[in-house]
PDB file of N, CA and C in Angstrom:
ATOM      1  N   MET A   1      75.130 126.446 103.829  1.00  0.00           N
ATOM      2  CA  MET A   1      75.125 125.112 104.395  1.00  0.00           C
ATOM      3  C   MET A   1      76.577 124.652 104.526  1.00  0.00           C
ATOM      4  N   ASN A   2      76.971 124.292 105.724  1.00  0.00           N
ATOM      5  CA  ASN A   2      78.349 123.909 105.993  1.00  0.00           C
ATOM      6  C   ASN A   2      78.369 122.572 106.726  1.00  0.00           C
ATOM      7  N   LYS A   3      77.943 121.532 106.051  1.00  0.00           N
ATOM      8  CA  LYS A   3      77.911 120.203 106.657  1.00  0.00           C
ATOM      9  C   LYS A   3      79.173 119.436 106.286  1.00  0.00           C
ATOM     10  N   SER A   4      79.568 118.550 107.175  1.00  0.00           N
ATOM     11  CA  SER A   4      80.708 117.689 106.879  1.00  0.00           C
ATOM     12  C   SER A   4      80.344 116.256 107.252  1.00  0.00           C
ATOM     13  N   PHE A   5      81.129 115.323 106.748  1.00  0.00           N
ATOM     14  CA  PHE A   5      80.943 113.905 107.047  1.00  0.00           C
ATOM     15  C   PHE A   5      82.307 113.247 106.946  1.00  0.00           C
ATOM     16  N   GLN A   6      82.360 111.975 107.276  1.00  0.00           N
ATOM     17  CA  GLN A   6      83.636 111.261 107.231  1.00  0.00           C
ATOM     18  C   GLN A   6      83.549 110.047 106.320  1.00  0.00           C
ATOM     19  N   ILE A   7      84.644 109.791 105.638  1.00  0.00           N
ATOM     20  CA  ILE A   7      84.829 108.552 104.879  1.00  0.00           C
ATOM     21  C   ILE A   7      86.115 107.935 105.411  1.00  0.00           C
ATOM     22  N   GLY A   8      85.986 106.795 106.051  1.00  0.00           N
ATOM     23  CA  GLY A   8      87.167 106.111 106.583  1.00  0.00           C
ATOM     24  C   GLY A   8      88.020 106.972 107.491  1.00  0.00           C
ATOM     25  N   GLY A   9      87.400 107.831 108.273  1.00  0.00           N
ATOM     26  CA  GLY A   9      88.150 108.673 109.196  1.00  0.00           C
ATOM     27  C   GLY A   9      88.609 109.997 108.611  1.00  0.00           C
ATOM     28  N   THR A  10      88.422 110.213 107.323  1.00  0.00           N
ATOM     29  CA  THR A  10      88.798 111.472 106.681  1.00  0.00           C
ATOM     30  C   THR A  10      87.583 112.390 106.647  1.00  0.00           C
ATOM     31  N   ILE A  11      87.730 113.596 107.169  1.00  0.00           N
ATOM     32  CA  ILE A  11      86.624 114.553 107.189  1.00  0.00           C
ATOM     33  C   ILE A  11      86.479 115.175 105.803  1.00  0.00           C
ATOM     34  N   ILE A  12      85.248 115.183 105.314  1.00  0.00           N
ATOM     35  CA  ILE A  12      84.909 115.764 104.015  1.00  0.00           C
ATOM     36  C   ILE A  12      84.014 116.971 104.290  1.00  0.00           C
ATOM     37  N   GLY A  13      84.375 118.118 103.758  1.00  0.00           N
ATOM     38  CA  GLY A  13      83.539 119.294 103.953  1.00  0.00           C
ATOM     39  C   GLY A  13      84.301 120.571 103.655  1.00  0.00           C
ATOM     40  N   ALA A  14      83.596 121.677 103.816  1.00  0.00           N
ATOM     41  CA  ALA A  14      84.190 122.990 103.567  1.00  0.00           C
ATOM     42  C   ALA A  14      85.407 123.182 104.461  1.00  0.00           C
ATOM     43  N   GLY A  15      86.459 123.723 103.892  1.00  0.00           N
ATOM     44  CA  GLY A  15      87.670 123.998 104.641  1.00  0.00           C
ATOM     45  C   GLY A  15      88.588 122.801 104.815  1.00  0.00           C
ATOM     46  N   GLN A  16      88.183 121.652 104.289  1.00  0.00           N
ATOM     47  CA  GLN A  16      88.995 120.440 104.384  1.00  0.00           C
ATOM     48  C   GLN A  16      89.770 120.242 103.080  1.00  0.00           C
ATOM     49  N   PRO A  17      90.891 119.533 103.142  1.00  0.00           N
ATOM     50  CA  PRO A  17      91.614 119.235 101.900  1.00  0.00           C
ATOM     51  C   PRO A  17      90.741 118.382 100.974  1.00  0.00           C
ATOM     52  N   PRO A  18      91.005 118.414  99.682  1.00  0.00           N
ATOM     53  CA  PRO A  18      90.220 117.603  98.748  1.00  0.00           C
ATOM     54  C   PRO A  18      90.366 116.110  99.045  1.00  0.00           C
ATOM     55  N   TYR A  19      89.300 115.392  98.815  1.00  0.00           N
ATOM     56  CA  TYR A  19      89.294 113.933  98.926  1.00  0.00           C
ATOM     57  C   TYR A  19      89.456 113.415  97.505  1.00  0.00           C
ATOM     58  N   ILE A  20      90.567 112.784  97.213  1.00  0.00           N
ATOM     59  CA  ILE A  20      90.915 112.388  95.850  1.00  0.00           C
ATOM     60  C   ILE A  20      90.505 110.937  95.590  1.00  0.00           C
ATOM     61  N   ILE A  21      89.745 110.744  94.510  1.00  0.00           N
ATOM     62  CA  ILE A  21      89.287 109.411  94.110  1.00  0.00           C
ATOM     63  C   ILE A  21      89.845 109.100  92.726  1.00  0.00           C
ATOM     64  N   ALA A  22      90.602 108.011  92.623  1.00  0.00           N
ATOM     65  CA  ALA A  22      91.133 107.561  91.328  1.00  0.00           C
ATOM     66  C   ALA A  22      90.093 106.671  90.652  1.00  0.00           C
ATOM     67  N   GLU A  23      90.051 106.683  89.345  1.00  0.00           N
ATOM     68  CA  GLU A  23      89.121 105.872  88.551  1.00  0.00           C
ATOM     69  C   GLU A  23      89.902 104.792  87.829  1.00  0.00           C
ATOM     70  N   MET A  24      89.602 103.519  88.125  1.00  0.00           N
ATOM     71  CA  MET A  24      90.303 102.433  87.439  1.00  0.00           C
ATOM     72  C   MET A  24      89.662 102.126  86.088  1.00  0.00           C
ATOM     73  N   SER A  25      88.337 102.154  86.022  1.00  0.00           N
ATOM     74  CA  SER A  25      87.601 101.828  84.802  1.00  0.00           C
ATOM     75  C   SER A  25      88.049 100.462  84.284  1.00  0.00           C
ATOM     76  N   GLY A  26      88.202 100.313  82.977  1.00  0.00           N
ATOM     77  CA  GLY A  26      88.630  99.048  82.386  1.00  0.00           C
ATOM     78  C   GLY A  26      90.122  98.986  82.135  1.00  0.00           C
ATOM     79  N   ASN A  27      90.876  99.893  82.753  1.00  0.00           N
ATOM     80  CA  ASN A  27      92.317  99.961  82.507  1.00  0.00           C
ATOM     81  C   ASN A  27      93.089  98.754  83.013  1.00  0.00           C
ATOM     82  N   HIS A  28      92.417  97.852  83.715  1.00  0.00           N
ATOM     83  CA  HIS A  28      93.068  96.625  84.189  1.00  0.00           C
ATOM     84  C   HIS A  28      93.246  95.619  83.058  1.00  0.00           C
ATOM     85  N   ASN A  29      92.590  95.851  81.915  1.00  0.00           N
ATOM     86  CA  ASN A  29      92.690  94.966  80.746  1.00  0.00           C
ATOM     87  C   ASN A  29      92.372  93.507  81.086  1.00  0.00           C
ATOM     88  N   ASN A  30      91.391  93.330  81.972  1.00  0.00           N
ATOM     89  CA  ASN A  30      90.926  91.994  82.365  1.00  0.00           C
ATOM     90  C   ASN A  30      92.033  91.156  83.008  1.00  0.00           C
ATOM     91  N   ASP A  31      92.893  91.825  83.785  1.00  0.00           N
ATOM     92  CA  ASP A  31      94.036  91.177  84.429  1.00  0.00           C
ATOM     93  C   ASP A  31      94.059  91.608  85.897  1.00  0.00           C
ATOM     94  N   LEU A  32      93.750  90.681  86.807  1.00  0.00           N
ATOM     95  CA  LEU A  32      93.691  91.010  88.230  1.00  0.00           C
ATOM     96  C   LEU A  32      95.008  91.571  88.743  1.00  0.00           C
ATOM     97  N   SER A  33      96.126  91.004  88.343  1.00  0.00           N
ATOM     98  CA  SER A  33      97.409  91.513  88.850  1.00  0.00           C
ATOM     99  C   SER A  33      97.628  92.956  88.403  1.00  0.00           C
ATOM    100  N   ARG A  34      97.189  93.294  87.209  1.00  0.00           N
ATOM    101  CA  ARG A  34      97.284  94.685  86.745  1.00  0.00           C
ATOM    102  C   ARG A  34      96.360  95.581  87.575  1.00  0.00           C
ATOM    103  N   ALA A  35      95.157  95.094  87.878  1.00  0.00           N
ATOM    104  CA  ALA A  35      94.231  95.865  88.712  1.00  0.00           C
ATOM    105  C   ALA A  35      94.856  96.153  90.075  1.00  0.00           C
ATOM    106  N   LEU A  36      95.495  95.152  90.653  1.00  0.00           N
ATOM    107  CA  LEU A  36      96.139  95.339  91.953  1.00  0.00           C
ATOM    108  C   LEU A  36      97.297  96.330  91.865  1.00  0.00           C
ATOM    109  N   ARG A  37      98.033  96.305  90.760  1.00  0.00           N
ATOM    110  CA  ARG A  37      99.128  97.275  90.571  1.00  0.00           C
ATOM    111  C   ARG A  37      98.569  98.694  90.422  1.00  0.00           C
ATOM    112  N   ILE A  38      97.424  98.819  89.747  1.00  0.00           N
ATOM    113  CA  ILE A  38      96.790 100.140  89.605  1.00  0.00           C
ATOM    114  C   ILE A  38      96.385 100.668  90.981  1.00  0.00           C
ATOM    115  N   ILE A  39      95.796  99.804  91.797  1.00  0.00           N
ATOM    116  CA  ILE A  39      95.398 100.206  93.148  1.00  0.00           C
ATOM    117  C   ILE A  39      96.622 100.609  93.966  1.00  0.00           C
ATOM    118  N   ASP A  40      97.693  99.822  93.888  1.00  0.00           N
ATOM    119  CA  ASP A  40      98.931 100.159  94.609  1.00  0.00           C
ATOM    120  C   ASP A  40      99.506 101.488  94.127  1.00  0.00           C
ATOM    121  N   ALA A  41      99.492 101.716  92.821  1.00  0.00           N
ATOM    122  CA  ALA A  41     100.019 102.972  92.269  1.00  0.00           C
ATOM    123  C   ALA A  41      99.171 104.154  92.733  1.00  0.00           C
ATOM    124  N   ALA A  42      97.856 103.964  92.777  1.00  0.00           N
ATOM    125  CA  ALA A  42      96.971 105.030  93.255  1.00  0.00           C
ATOM    126  C   ALA A  42      97.271 105.347  94.718  1.00  0.00           C
ATOM    127  N   LYS A  43      97.454 104.308  95.512  1.00  0.00           N
ATOM    128  CA  LYS A  43      97.796 104.501  96.929  1.00  0.00           C
ATOM    129  C   LYS A  43      99.129 105.238  97.059  1.00  0.00           C
ATOM    130  N   ASP A  44     100.123 104.810  96.285  1.00  0.00           N
ATOM    131  CA  ASP A  44     101.436 105.463  96.317  1.00  0.00           C
ATOM    132  C   ASP A  44     101.347 106.928  95.901  1.00  0.00           C
ATOM    133  N   ALA A  45     100.388 107.246  95.021  1.00  0.00           N
ATOM    134  CA  ALA A  45     100.214 108.624  94.558  1.00  0.00           C
ATOM    135  C   ALA A  45      99.469 109.477  95.584  1.00  0.00           C
ATOM    136  N   GLY A  46      98.923 108.829  96.615  1.00  0.00           N
ATOM    137  CA  GLY A  46      98.278 109.581  97.683  1.00  0.00           C
ATOM    138  C   GLY A  46      96.773 109.728  97.576  1.00  0.00           C
ATOM    139  N   VAL A  47      96.137 109.003  96.672  1.00  0.00           N
ATOM    140  CA  VAL A  47      94.678 109.108  96.582  1.00  0.00           C
ATOM    141  C   VAL A  47      94.038 108.482  97.816  1.00  0.00           C
ATOM    142  N   HIS A  48      92.819 108.896  98.092  1.00  0.00           N
ATOM    143  CA  HIS A  48      92.093 108.388  99.247  1.00  0.00           C
ATOM    144  C   HIS A  48      91.270 107.145  98.919  1.00  0.00           C
ATOM    145  N   ALA A  49      90.851 107.017  97.674  1.00  0.00           N
ATOM    146  CA  ALA A  49      89.980 105.902  97.284  1.00  0.00           C
ATOM    147  C   ALA A  49      90.166 105.603  95.803  1.00  0.00           C
ATOM    148  N   VAL A  50      89.774 104.403  95.414  1.00  0.00           N
ATOM    149  CA  VAL A  50      89.775 104.010  94.002  1.00  0.00           C
ATOM    150  C   VAL A  50      88.356 103.597  93.644  1.00  0.00           C
ATOM    151  N   LYS A  51      87.817 104.207  92.605  1.00  0.00           N
ATOM    152  CA  LYS A  51      86.468 103.877  92.136  1.00  0.00           C
ATOM    153  C   LYS A  51      86.560 102.708  91.169  1.00  0.00           C
ATOM    154  N   ILE A  52      85.759 101.687  91.436  1.00  0.00           N
ATOM    155  CA  ILE A  52      85.672 100.560  90.512  1.00  0.00           C
ATOM    156  C   ILE A  52      84.221 100.420  90.071  1.00  0.00           C
ATOM    157  N   GLN A  53      84.028  99.836  88.919  1.00  0.00           N
ATOM    158  CA  GLN A  53      82.690  99.566  88.413  1.00  0.00           C
ATOM    159  C   GLN A  53      82.578  98.065  88.205  1.00  0.00           C
ATOM    160  N   THR A  54      81.700  97.441  88.984  1.00  0.00           N
ATOM    161  CA  THR A  54      81.534  96.000  88.880  1.00  0.00           C
ATOM    162  C   THR A  54      80.180  95.711  88.259  1.00  0.00           C
ATOM    163  N   TYR A  55      80.200  95.047  87.145  1.00  0.00           N
ATOM    164  CA  TYR A  55      78.984  94.710  86.409  1.00  0.00           C
ATOM    165  C   TYR A  55      79.304  93.540  85.509  1.00  0.00           C
ATOM    166  N   THR A  56      78.296  93.016  84.871  1.00  0.00           N
ATOM    167  CA  THR A  56      78.506  92.089  83.759  1.00  0.00           C
ATOM    168  C   THR A  56      77.832  92.718  82.555  1.00  0.00           C
ATOM    169  N   ALA A  57      78.231  92.324  81.389  1.00  0.00           N
ATOM    170  CA  ALA A  57      77.632  92.890  80.179  1.00  0.00           C
ATOM    171  C   ALA A  57      76.116  92.713  80.199  1.00  0.00           C
ATOM    172  N   ASP A  58      75.648  91.580  80.714  1.00  0.00           N
ATOM    173  CA  ASP A  58      74.208  91.297  80.756  1.00  0.00           C
ATOM    174  C   ASP A  58      73.435  92.244  81.665  1.00  0.00           C
ATOM    175  N   THR A  59      74.096  92.871  82.624  1.00  0.00           N
ATOM    176  CA  THR A  59      73.381  93.758  83.544  1.00  0.00           C
ATOM    177  C   THR A  59      73.212  95.169  83.001  1.00  0.00           C
ATOM    178  N   ILE A  60      73.899  95.514  81.903  1.00  0.00           N
ATOM    179  CA  ILE A  60      73.783  96.889  81.411  1.00  0.00           C
ATOM    180  C   ILE A  60      73.420  97.015  79.937  1.00  0.00           C
ATOM    181  N   THR A  61      73.417  95.914  79.213  1.00  0.00           N
ATOM    182  CA  THR A  61      73.036  95.992  77.798  1.00  0.00           C
ATOM    183  C   THR A  61      72.602  94.610  77.324  1.00  0.00           C
ATOM    184  N   ILE A  62      72.259  94.515  76.056  1.00  0.00           N
ATOM    185  CA  ILE A  62      71.936  93.220  75.455  1.00  0.00           C
ATOM    186  C   ILE A  62      72.928  92.947  74.334  1.00  0.00           C
ATOM    187  N   ASP A  63      73.094  91.683  74.012  1.00  0.00           N
ATOM    188  CA  ASP A  63      74.011  91.299  72.934  1.00  0.00           C
ATOM    189  C   ASP A  63      73.257  91.429  71.619  1.00  0.00           C
ATOM    190  N   HIS A  64      73.393  92.590  70.997  1.00  0.00           N
ATOM    191  CA  HIS A  64      72.610  92.906  69.803  1.00  0.00           C
ATOM    192  C   HIS A  64      73.472  93.707  68.842  1.00  0.00           C
ATOM    193  N   ASP A  65      73.329  93.437  67.565  1.00  0.00           N
ATOM    194  CA  ASP A  65      74.121  94.144  66.555  1.00  0.00           C
ATOM    195  C   ASP A  65      73.347  95.251  65.859  1.00  0.00           C
ATOM    196  N   GLY A  66      72.231  95.667  66.457  1.00  0.00           N
ATOM    197  CA  GLY A  66      71.484  96.787  65.896  1.00  0.00           C
ATOM    198  C   GLY A  66      72.328  98.049  65.896  1.00  0.00           C
ATOM    199  N   ASP A  67      71.998  98.954  65.006  1.00  0.00           N
ATOM    200  CA  ASP A  67      72.788 100.173  64.825  1.00  0.00           C
ATOM    201  C   ASP A  67      72.995 100.941  66.131  1.00  0.00           C
ATOM    202  N   GLU A  68      71.970 100.968  66.985  1.00  0.00           N
ATOM    203  CA  GLU A  68      72.079 101.718  68.239  1.00  0.00           C
ATOM    204  C   GLU A  68      73.033 101.060  69.241  1.00  0.00           C
ATOM    205  N   PHE A  69      73.444  99.819  68.978  1.00  0.00           N
ATOM    206  CA  PHE A  69      74.363  99.112  69.866  1.00  0.00           C
ATOM    207  C   PHE A  69      75.775  99.000  69.294  1.00  0.00           C
ATOM    208  N   LEU A  70      75.968  99.433  68.059  1.00  0.00           N
ATOM    209  CA  LEU A  70      77.282  99.345  67.421  1.00  0.00           C
ATOM    210  C   LEU A  70      78.121 100.586  67.701  1.00  0.00           C
ATOM    211  N   ILE A  71      79.388 100.370  67.927  1.00  0.00           N
ATOM    212  CA  ILE A  71      80.321 101.470  68.158  1.00  0.00           C
ATOM    213  C   ILE A  71      80.875 101.887  66.800  1.00  0.00           C
ATOM    214  N   LYS A  72      80.756 103.153  66.494  1.00  0.00           N
ATOM    215  CA  LYS A  72      81.067 103.640  65.146  1.00  0.00           C
ATOM    216  C   LYS A  72      82.522 104.078  64.970  1.00  0.00           C
ATOM    217  N   GLU A  73      83.139 104.588  66.044  1.00  0.00           N
ATOM    218  CA  GLU A  73      84.478 105.164  65.915  1.00  0.00           C
ATOM    219  C   GLU A  73      85.386 104.699  67.043  1.00  0.00           C
ATOM    220  N   GLY A  74      86.665 104.931  66.861  1.00  0.00           N
ATOM    221  CA  GLY A  74      87.632 104.670  67.919  1.00  0.00           C
ATOM    222  C   GLY A  74      88.096 103.230  67.981  1.00  0.00           C
ATOM    223  N   LEU A  75      88.745 102.909  69.079  1.00  0.00           N
ATOM    224  CA  LEU A  75      89.344 101.599  69.295  1.00  0.00           C
ATOM    225  C   LEU A  75      88.343 100.455  69.144  1.00  0.00           C
ATOM    226  N   TRP A  76      87.103 100.680  69.522  1.00  0.00           N
ATOM    227  CA  TRP A  76      86.075  99.632  69.511  1.00  0.00           C
ATOM    228  C   TRP A  76      85.200  99.680  68.260  1.00  0.00           C
ATOM    229  N   ALA A  77      85.545 100.479  67.274  1.00  0.00           N
ATOM    230  CA  ALA A  77      84.726 100.618  66.061  1.00  0.00           C
ATOM    231  C   ALA A  77      84.426  99.255  65.443  1.00  0.00           C
ATOM    232  N   GLY A  78      83.157  99.051  65.094  1.00  0.00           N
ATOM    233  CA  GLY A  78      82.730  97.809  64.460  1.00  0.00           C
ATOM    234  C   GLY A  78      82.272  96.746  65.441  1.00  0.00           C
ATOM    235  N   ARG A  79      82.498  96.982  66.724  1.00  0.00           N
ATOM    236  CA  ARG A  79      82.048  96.025  67.743  1.00  0.00           C
ATOM    237  C   ARG A  79      80.808  96.592  68.430  1.00  0.00           C
ATOM    238  N   ASN A  80      80.107  95.745  69.163  1.00  0.00           N
ATOM    239  CA  ASN A  80      78.922  96.258  69.841  1.00  0.00           C
ATOM    240  C   ASN A  80      79.199  96.513  71.322  1.00  0.00           C
ATOM    241  N   LEU A  81      78.252  97.177  71.972  1.00  0.00           N
ATOM    242  CA  LEU A  81      78.427  97.525  73.380  1.00  0.00           C
ATOM    243  C   LEU A  81      78.607  96.302  74.264  1.00  0.00           C
ATOM    244  N   TYR A  82      77.896  95.230  73.963  1.00  0.00           N
ATOM    245  CA  TYR A  82      78.010  94.013  74.760  1.00  0.00           C
ATOM    246  C   TYR A  82      79.455  93.511  74.752  1.00  0.00           C
ATOM    247  N   GLU A  83      80.074  93.497  73.582  1.00  0.00           N
ATOM    248  CA  GLU A  83      81.468  93.046  73.473  1.00  0.00           C
ATOM    249  C   GLU A  83      82.399  93.941  74.291  1.00  0.00           C
ATOM    250  N   LEU A  84      82.164  95.238  74.236  1.00  0.00           N
ATOM    251  CA  LEU A  84      82.975  96.178  75.007  1.00  0.00           C
ATOM    252  C   LEU A  84      82.857  95.882  76.494  1.00  0.00           C
ATOM    253  N   TYR A  85      81.632  95.782  76.997  1.00  0.00           N
ATOM    254  CA  TYR A  85      81.426  95.562  78.429  1.00  0.00           C
ATOM    255  C   TYR A  85      81.874  94.173  78.861  1.00  0.00           C
ATOM    256  N   GLU A  86      81.745  93.201  77.990  1.00  0.00           N
ATOM    257  CA  GLU A  86      82.193  91.844  78.305  1.00  0.00           C
ATOM    258  C   GLU A  86      83.711  91.813  78.509  1.00  0.00           C
ATOM    259  N   GLU A  87      84.418  92.561  77.703  1.00  0.00           N
ATOM    260  CA  GLU A  87      85.885  92.565  77.790  1.00  0.00           C
ATOM    261  C   GLU A  87      86.414  93.491  78.882  1.00  0.00           C
ATOM    262  N   ALA A  88      85.718  94.592  79.138  1.00  0.00           N
ATOM    263  CA  ALA A  88      86.252  95.623  80.031  1.00  0.00           C
ATOM    264  C   ALA A  88      85.747  95.534  81.471  1.00  0.00           C
ATOM    265  N   HIS A  89      84.858  94.612  81.776  1.00  0.00           N
ATOM    266  CA  HIS A  89      84.260  94.591  83.119  1.00  0.00           C
ATOM    267  C   HIS A  89      85.261  94.172  84.199  1.00  0.00           C
ATOM    268  N   THR A  90      84.966  94.589  85.415  1.00  0.00           N
ATOM    269  CA  THR A  90      85.732  94.175  86.589  1.00  0.00           C
ATOM    270  C   THR A  90      84.933  93.064  87.264  1.00  0.00           C
ATOM    271  N   PRO A  91      85.428  91.846  87.273  1.00  0.00           N
ATOM    272  CA  PRO A  91      84.651  90.718  87.805  1.00  0.00           C
ATOM    273  C   PRO A  91      84.381  90.816  89.311  1.00  0.00           C
ATOM    274  N   TRP A  92      83.207  90.356  89.714  1.00  0.00           N
ATOM    275  CA  TRP A  92      82.849  90.303  91.135  1.00  0.00           C
ATOM    276  C   TRP A  92      83.895  89.497  91.915  1.00  0.00           C
ATOM    277  N   GLY A  93      84.413  88.457  91.312  1.00  0.00           N
ATOM    278  CA  GLY A  93      85.362  87.582  91.983  1.00  0.00           C
ATOM    279  C   GLY A  93      86.668  88.257  92.373  1.00  0.00           C
ATOM    280  N   TRP A  94      86.927  89.441  91.856  1.00  0.00           N
ATOM    281  CA  TRP A  94      88.150  90.168  92.190  1.00  0.00           C
ATOM    282  C   TRP A  94      88.015  90.974  93.482  1.00  0.00           C
ATOM    283  N   HIS A  95      86.805  91.182  93.971  1.00  0.00           N
ATOM    284  CA  HIS A  95      86.594  92.088  95.102  1.00  0.00           C
ATOM    285  C   HIS A  95      87.461  91.753  96.305  1.00  0.00           C
ATOM    286  N   LYS A  96      87.489  90.498  96.724  1.00  0.00           N
ATOM    287  CA  LYS A  96      88.254  90.138  97.919  1.00  0.00           C
ATOM    288  C   LYS A  96      89.720  90.535  97.757  1.00  0.00           C
ATOM    289  N   ALA A  97      90.317  90.174  96.639  1.00  0.00           N
ATOM    290  CA  ALA A  97      91.731  90.504  96.410  1.00  0.00           C
ATOM    291  C   ALA A  97      91.952  92.019  96.376  1.00  0.00           C
ATOM    292  N   MET A  98      91.027  92.760  95.782  1.00  0.00           N
ATOM    293  CA  MET A  98      91.205  94.208  95.671  1.00  0.00           C
ATOM    294  C   MET A  98      91.012  94.923  97.002  1.00  0.00           C
ATOM    295  N   PHE A  99      90.189  94.365  97.880  1.00  0.00           N
ATOM    296  CA  PHE A  99      89.916  95.033  99.154  1.00  0.00           C
ATOM    297  C   PHE A  99      90.782  94.532 100.298  1.00  0.00           C
ATOM    298  N   ASP A 100      91.569  93.483 100.073  1.00  0.00           N
ATOM    299  CA  ASP A 100      92.470  92.993 101.128  1.00  0.00           C
ATOM    300  C   ASP A 100      93.655  93.924 101.308  1.00  0.00           C
TER     301      ASP A 100
END
């Protein structure tokens, strides 16, 4: 099977150069200007796209301190998943600025 398609004018398929996607994740540290700098740096590095994850803590978990929701190790140890997602999310309100 040798199918191809396009993303923003770039052909994706066999025999084509790789299509590079950068992942921002929560590395913006809840700071829009930092998010914009990450996007600019990704563009300067030559990536084709930046993957963002837009959600609110309420859309992916519940605010609960049960054992299955507590983070046991690492930077977030002792906190729950809701706290992690609440702090690390990319707000919907940033979309316009990020896509301009």
